[in-house]
Amino acid sequence: MPSRSLLDHITVTAFSLEEGAKFVSETLGVSLQTGGEHPRMATHNMLLRLGDSMFLEVIAPNPAAQPPLRPRWFALDDLDAQSPPSLSTWVARTPNIQKAAAAASEPLGNIEPMSRGAFEWLITIPEDGSVPLNGTAPALVEWHTDVHPARTLEDKRLSLAKLEIFHPTPDRVSQLLSSLDLDAPVSVRQAEPGTSARLVAHINTPHGLRLLSTANTPLHQTSNNKAALDQ
């Protein structure tokens, strides 16, 4: 059994960084902080702190960078100008990515080195750039830095209340999370008939509870609707 895994960050993908940042800013009512560039993937991001060791990332292809000689991560090459920004996947942190990936009940991809500015880490990436289990399975990350990236971000009084995972075969997702020994506010549910896998992040903000979701699902709500947390 690997060392316990923790929820590290949630990832919103977009065709352009500006569109993704606007979507998140309008939904949560706060502005995002500039992140940086990922040279190996020709992508760039913006960020929001969700706690001392958790954050939200908006990521998009970087039009100023030379395209990589491989598929970009997080299925970004599948997006076009008509693709709406979407909560597409999430990332779990582990102190030993080799053991965690080997113990996972689903293939999560190859373990690859990555960097953004002074930050360096290892992360699992499928060869085709896809997101495992349609984004309901996490990528695994092992940070090689003394300070978690979230601690370098401005505190805008945001926190993740919970992450809901909806999947047509929820037992498959639950088995994966158990194999990773995940300790996080994550719940797995049966997807509604006729719907595909999706994520819903319940985020506490200075304006109340707001929701970020996979595209084509409800995108936000206020804390006046407390039923979402009580379900």
Protein backbone atom coordinates (compact mmCIF):
# COMPACT_ATOMS: atom_id res chain seq x y z
CA MET A 1 0.00 0.00 0.00
CA PRO A 2 1.48 3.42 -0.91
CA SER A 3 1.77 6.32 1.51
CA ARG A 4 -1.47 8.25 1.80
CA SER A 5 -2.39 10.46 -1.17
CA LEU A 6 -3.90 13.93 -0.77
CA LEU A 7 -5.87 16.18 -3.08
CA ASP A 8 -3.33 18.62 -4.50
CA HIS A 9 -5.21 20.67 -7.10
CA ILE A 10 -8.16 20.77 -9.45
CA THR A 11 -7.67 21.63 -13.12
CA VAL A 12 -9.83 23.77 -15.39
CA THR A 13 -8.87 23.44 -19.06
CA ALA A 14 -9.55 26.05 -21.72
CA PHE A 15 -8.67 26.76 -25.34
CA SER A 16 -7.25 30.12 -24.25
CA LEU A 17 -5.98 31.16 -20.84
CA GLU A 18 -7.99 34.37 -20.99
CA GLU A 19 -11.26 32.49 -21.53
CA GLY A 20 -10.49 30.04 -18.74
CA ALA A 21 -9.56 32.79 -16.28
CA LYS A 22 -12.73 34.73 -17.12
CA PHE A 23 -14.87 31.64 -16.58
CA VAL A 24 -13.39 30.93 -13.15
CA SER A 25 -13.32 34.58 -12.08
CA GLU A 26 -16.97 35.09 -12.98
CA THR A 27 -17.99 31.85 -11.27
CA LEU A 28 -16.05 32.33 -8.03
CA GLY A 29 -16.08 36.13 -7.88
CA VAL A 30 -12.31 36.55 -7.49
CA SER A 31 -9.45 37.29 -9.87
CA LEU A 32 -6.76 34.72 -10.61
CA GLN A 33 -3.02 34.99 -10.09
CA THR A 34 -0.53 34.52 -12.89
CA GLY A 35 1.19 31.15 -12.81
CA GLY A 36 3.74 30.51 -15.52
CA GLU A 37 4.74 28.38 -18.47
CA HIS A 38 5.37 24.64 -18.87
CA PRO A 39 8.05 24.48 -21.58
CA ARG A 40 7.80 20.71 -22.22
CA MET A 41 4.06 20.91 -22.87
CA ALA A 42 3.80 24.37 -24.49
CA THR A 43 1.13 25.35 -21.96
CA HIS A 44 0.66 28.11 -19.41
CA ASN A 45 -1.56 28.61 -16.40
CA MET A 46 -3.19 30.86 -13.83
CA LEU A 47 -3.87 29.90 -10.24
CA LEU A 48 -6.01 30.35 -7.13
CA ARG A 49 -5.09 29.25 -3.64
CA LEU A 50 -7.53 26.84 -1.97
CA GLY A 51 -5.47 26.31 1.20
CA ASP A 52 -1.90 25.88 2.40
CA SER A 53 -1.35 22.86 0.15
CA MET A 54 -4.17 22.98 -2.39
CA PHE A 55 -4.92 25.17 -5.39
CA LEU A 56 -7.03 25.59 -8.51
CA GLU A 57 -5.31 25.73 -11.87
CA VAL A 58 -6.56 27.11 -15.18
CA ILE A 59 -4.40 25.70 -17.97
CA ALA A 60 -4.39 26.25 -21.73
CA PRO A 61 -2.13 25.85 -24.75
CA ASN A 62 0.45 28.63 -24.95
CA PRO A 63 0.17 30.20 -28.41
CA ALA A 64 3.57 31.86 -27.99
CA ALA A 65 5.38 28.56 -27.45
CA GLN A 66 6.66 26.09 -30.01
CA PRO A 67 4.15 23.18 -30.13
CA PRO A 68 5.50 20.03 -28.47
CA LEU A 69 6.43 16.94 -30.46
CA ARG A 70 3.89 14.96 -28.45
CA PRO A 71 0.27 15.34 -27.27
CA ARG A 72 -0.21 18.01 -24.63
CA TRP A 73 -1.38 16.88 -21.19
CA PHE A 74 -4.96 17.19 -19.88
CA ALA A 75 -6.36 16.52 -23.38
CA LEU A 76 -5.68 20.14 -24.34
CA ASP A 77 -5.11 19.23 -27.99
CA ASP A 78 -8.76 18.15 -28.18
CA LEU A 79 -9.97 21.72 -27.56
CA ASP A 80 -10.86 24.31 -30.18
CA ALA A 81 -12.21 27.85 -30.13
CA GLN A 82 -15.75 26.57 -29.52
CA SER A 83 -14.78 24.44 -26.51
CA PRO A 84 -16.03 25.96 -23.24
CA PRO A 85 -13.73 26.10 -20.22
CA SER A 86 -14.32 23.06 -18.02
CA LEU A 87 -13.29 21.43 -14.77
CA SER A 88 -11.63 18.56 -16.57
CA THR A 89 -9.61 16.63 -14.01
CA TRP A 90 -7.80 16.74 -10.68
CA VAL A 91 -4.40 15.88 -9.23
CA ALA A 92 -3.50 13.87 -6.13
CA ARG A 93 -0.23 14.43 -4.28
CA THR A 94 1.90 11.54 -3.08
CA PRO A 95 5.31 11.34 -1.40
CA ASN A 96 6.25 8.34 -3.56
CA ILE A 97 4.82 8.49 -7.05
CA GLN A 98 6.46 5.25 -8.15
CA LYS A 99 4.73 3.23 -5.42
CA ALA A 100 1.43 5.05 -5.79
CA ALA A 101 1.30 4.55 -9.56
CA ALA A 102 2.19 0.87 -9.20
CA ALA A 103 -0.55 0.38 -6.61
CA ALA A 104 -3.22 2.20 -8.64
CA SER A 105 -6.04 -0.04 -9.86
CA GLU A 106 -6.20 1.96 -13.12
CA PRO A 107 -3.34 2.95 -15.46
CA LEU A 108 -2.62 6.62 -14.85
CA GLY A 109 0.15 7.12 -17.39
CA ASN A 110 3.90 7.43 -17.51
CA ILE A 111 5.79 9.22 -14.74
CA GLU A 112 7.44 12.28 -16.27
CA PRO A 113 9.49 15.23 -14.99
CA MET A 114 7.91 18.66 -15.35
CA SER A 115 8.74 22.24 -14.43
CA ARG A 116 7.28 25.74 -14.19
CA GLY A 117 9.78 28.41 -13.31
CA ALA A 118 11.52 27.35 -10.09
CA PHE A 119 9.04 24.54 -9.42
CA GLU A 120 9.90 20.96 -10.39
CA TRP A 121 7.84 17.80 -9.98
CA LEU A 122 7.03 14.34 -11.28
CA ILE A 123 3.56 13.70 -12.70
CA THR A 124 1.69 10.86 -14.41
CA ILE A 125 0.71 11.59 -18.02
CA PRO A 126 -0.84 9.09 -20.47
CA GLU A 127 1.11 8.87 -23.73
CA ASP A 128 -1.87 10.15 -25.73
CA GLY A 129 -2.36 13.15 -23.43
CA SER A 130 -5.78 11.98 -22.29
CA VAL A 131 -7.27 12.24 -18.80
CA PRO A 132 -7.86 8.76 -17.30
CA LEU A 133 -11.49 7.71 -16.74
CA ASN A 134 -12.64 10.85 -18.55
CA GLY A 135 -11.05 13.06 -15.92
CA THR A 136 -12.54 11.38 -12.87
CA ALA A 137 -9.26 9.61 -12.11
CA PRO A 138 -6.52 11.87 -10.77
CA ALA A 139 -3.09 12.47 -12.15
CA LEU A 140 -0.44 11.78 -9.51
CA VAL A 141 2.13 14.41 -8.57
CA GLU A 142 5.28 14.29 -6.44
CA TRP A 143 6.64 17.77 -5.76
CA HIS A 144 10.38 18.35 -5.66
CA THR A 145 10.27 21.69 -3.91
CA ASP A 146 10.67 22.84 -0.31
CA VAL A 147 7.54 25.01 -0.42
CA HIS A 148 4.22 23.87 -1.87
CA PRO A 149 3.12 26.16 -4.75
CA ALA A 150 -0.12 27.05 -2.92
CA ARG A 151 1.90 28.84 -0.23
CA THR A 152 3.26 31.27 -2.82
CA LEU A 153 -0.26 32.37 -3.83
CA GLU A 154 -2.34 35.19 -2.40
CA ASP A 155 -4.96 34.07 0.12
CA LYS A 156 -8.34 35.15 -1.28
CA ARG A 157 -10.34 33.20 1.32
CA LEU A 158 -11.17 30.29 -0.92
CA SER A 159 -11.33 26.66 0.17
CA LEU A 160 -12.53 23.41 -1.33
CA ALA A 161 -15.55 22.07 0.55
CA LYS A 162 -15.66 18.87 -1.48
CA LEU A 163 -15.11 17.37 -4.91
CA GLU A 164 -17.91 15.21 -6.30
CA ILE A 165 -17.15 12.58 -8.91
CA PHE A 166 -20.00 11.25 -11.04
CA HIS A 167 -19.27 8.15 -13.12
CA PRO A 168 -21.39 5.48 -14.89
CA THR A 169 -19.45 2.81 -12.95
CA PRO A 170 -18.69 4.48 -9.62
CA ASP A 171 -17.30 1.32 -8.04
CA ARG A 172 -14.42 1.49 -10.50
CA VAL A 173 -13.54 5.01 -9.35
CA SER A 174 -13.96 4.09 -5.68
CA GLN A 175 -11.62 1.15 -6.11
CA LEU A 176 -9.00 3.43 -7.64
CA LEU A 177 -9.20 5.96 -4.81
CA SER A 178 -8.93 3.15 -2.28
CA SER A 179 -5.86 1.76 -4.03
CA LEU A 180 -4.28 5.22 -3.74
CA ASP A 181 -5.20 5.44 -0.03
CA LEU A 182 -6.72 8.86 -0.74
CA ASP A 183 -7.39 11.15 2.21
CA ALA A 184 -9.44 14.00 0.76
CA PRO A 185 -12.96 15.52 0.68
CA VAL A 186 -13.91 13.50 -2.39
CA SER A 187 -17.18 11.64 -2.90
CA VAL A 188 -18.02 9.23 -5.73
CA ARG A 189 -21.54 8.96 -7.10
CA GLN A 190 -23.50 7.18 -9.79
CA ALA A 191 -23.82 9.32 -12.90
CA GLU A 192 -27.39 10.05 -13.90
CA PRO A 193 -28.80 7.86 -16.69
CA GLY A 194 -27.78 9.17 -20.08
CA THR A 195 -24.97 11.37 -18.70
CA SER A 196 -21.22 10.95 -18.88
CA ALA A 197 -18.54 11.19 -16.21
CA ARG A 198 -18.14 14.61 -14.65
CA LEU A 199 -16.67 16.54 -11.73
CA VAL A 200 -18.30 19.13 -9.48
CA ALA A 201 -16.09 21.18 -7.13
CA HIS A 202 -17.87 22.87 -4.21
CA ILE A 203 -15.77 25.92 -3.35
CA ASN A 204 -16.23 28.25 -0.38
CA THR A 205 -15.68 31.87 -1.44
CA PRO A 206 -16.13 35.30 0.20
CA HIS A 207 -19.43 35.40 -1.72
CA GLY A 208 -20.70 32.04 -0.46
CA LEU A 209 -20.59 28.55 -1.91
CA ARG A 210 -19.93 28.34 -5.65
CA LEU A 211 -19.65 25.35 -7.95
CA LEU A 212 -17.22 24.63 -10.75
CA SER A 213 -18.15 21.75 -13.00
CA THR A 214 -17.30 19.78 -16.07
CA ALA A 215 -18.71 21.49 -19.17
CA ASN A 216 -22.41 21.11 -19.98
CA THR A 217 -23.38 20.81 -16.28
CA PRO A 218 -24.51 23.56 -13.84
CA LEU A 219 -21.61 25.94 -13.41
CA HIS A 220 -22.31 27.79 -10.18
CA GLN A 221 -24.60 28.37 -7.27
CA THR A 222 -24.62 30.49 -4.13
CA SER A 223 -24.51 29.37 -0.53
CA ASN A 224 -28.25 29.98 -0.28
CA ASN A 225 -28.68 26.54 -1.81
CA LYS A 226 -27.15 24.48 0.99
CA ALA A 227 -28.71 21.26 -0.25
CA ALA A 228 -25.70 20.67 -2.50
CA LEU A 229 -23.50 20.06 0.52
CA ASP A 230 -26.09 18.04 2.41
CA GLN A 231 -26.73 15.46 -0.30
